Amino acid sequence: MSRATIDEILDQIKQLPQEDRLVFDKLLAQQEDQEWREEASHAKRMAQSRGIDQDVIDRAVHAVRHGE
C-alpha cells in the first residue's frame, strides 16, 4: 500500500462523524485484540513445542532479575 493511499484513508477517518468514528475505533480495537490473541496463541504453541512452559519462563525471569 502506498503512502498516498494510507494518507487518503487517514483523511477519510478524520472526516467521519463522531458516532461513526466511535464505531470505527471499536471495530479497530476488536481487530487488534483478535490479532493479539492469535499471535499469543501461536507463540504459546511454539514455546510448548520447544518444551518451554510457565515454570521455565518464571525461572528465567527470576534469574535475570536477580543476576543468577
Protein backbone atom coordinates (compact mmCIF):
# COMPACT_ATOMS: atom_id res chain seq x y z
CA MET A 1 0.00 0.00 0.00
CA SER A 2 1.41 3.36 -0.93
CA ARG A 3 1.88 6.29 1.40
CA ALA A 4 -0.67 8.26 -0.65
CA THR A 5 -3.28 5.55 -0.11
CA ILE A 6 -2.59 5.49 3.61
CA ASP A 7 -2.87 9.28 3.81
CA GLU A 8 -6.18 9.12 1.94
CA ILE A 9 -7.55 6.53 4.36
CA LEU A 10 -6.44 8.63 7.33
CA ASP A 11 -8.14 11.69 5.84
CA GLN A 12 -11.36 9.71 5.41
CA ILE A 13 -11.21 8.52 9.01
CA LYS A 14 -10.72 12.10 10.23
CA GLN A 15 -13.81 13.17 8.30
CA LEU A 16 -16.10 10.58 9.88
CA PRO A 17 -18.91 11.87 12.05
CA GLN A 18 -18.28 11.33 15.77
CA GLU A 19 -20.69 8.37 16.02
CA ASP A 20 -19.11 6.60 13.03
CA ARG A 21 -15.63 7.33 14.40
CA LEU A 22 -16.57 5.65 17.68
CA VAL A 23 -17.83 2.59 15.79
CA PHE A 24 -14.63 2.57 13.71
CA ASP A 25 -12.45 2.83 16.82
CA LYS A 26 -14.35 0.00 18.49
CA LEU A 27 -14.04 -2.27 15.46
CA LEU A 28 -10.34 -1.48 15.11
CA ALA A 29 -9.76 -2.30 18.78
CA GLN A 30 -11.60 -5.60 18.34
CA GLN A 31 -9.47 -6.42 15.30
CA GLU A 32 -6.27 -5.62 17.19
CA ASP A 33 -7.40 -7.72 20.15
CA GLN A 34 -8.17 -10.68 17.89
CA GLU A 35 -4.79 -10.40 16.17
CA TRP A 36 -3.03 -10.21 19.57
CA ARG A 37 -4.88 -13.32 20.76
CA GLU A 38 -3.93 -15.22 17.61
CA GLU A 39 -0.26 -14.20 17.92
CA ALA A 40 -0.21 -15.12 21.60
CA SER A 41 -1.74 -18.50 20.85
CA HIS A 42 0.83 -19.12 18.13
CA ALA A 43 3.69 -18.11 20.45
CA LYS A 44 2.36 -20.40 23.17
CA ARG A 45 2.20 -23.36 20.76
CA MET A 46 5.75 -22.66 19.59
CA ALA A 47 7.02 -22.46 23.17
CA GLN A 48 5.26 -25.68 24.14
CA SER A 49 6.74 -27.47 21.13
CA ARG A 50 10.18 -26.44 22.40
CA GLY A 51 9.50 -27.60 25.93
CA ILE A 52 9.10 -24.11 27.34
CA ASP A 53 6.38 -23.83 29.96
CA GLN A 54 5.45 -21.18 32.52
CA ASP A 55 7.81 -22.66 35.11
CA VAL A 56 10.76 -22.33 32.72
CA ILE A 57 9.79 -18.74 31.97
CA ASP A 58 9.40 -17.90 35.67
CA ARG A 59 12.86 -19.32 36.45
CA ALA A 60 14.43 -17.36 33.59
CA VAL A 61 12.80 -14.11 34.73
CA HIS A 62 13.94 -14.75 38.30
CA ALA A 63 17.49 -15.42 37.13
CA VAL A 64 17.61 -12.21 35.12
CA ARG A 65 16.14 -10.11 37.90
CA HIS A 66 18.49 -11.50 40.50
CA GLY A 67 21.62 -11.78 38.35
CA GLU A 68 21.82 -15.54 38.58
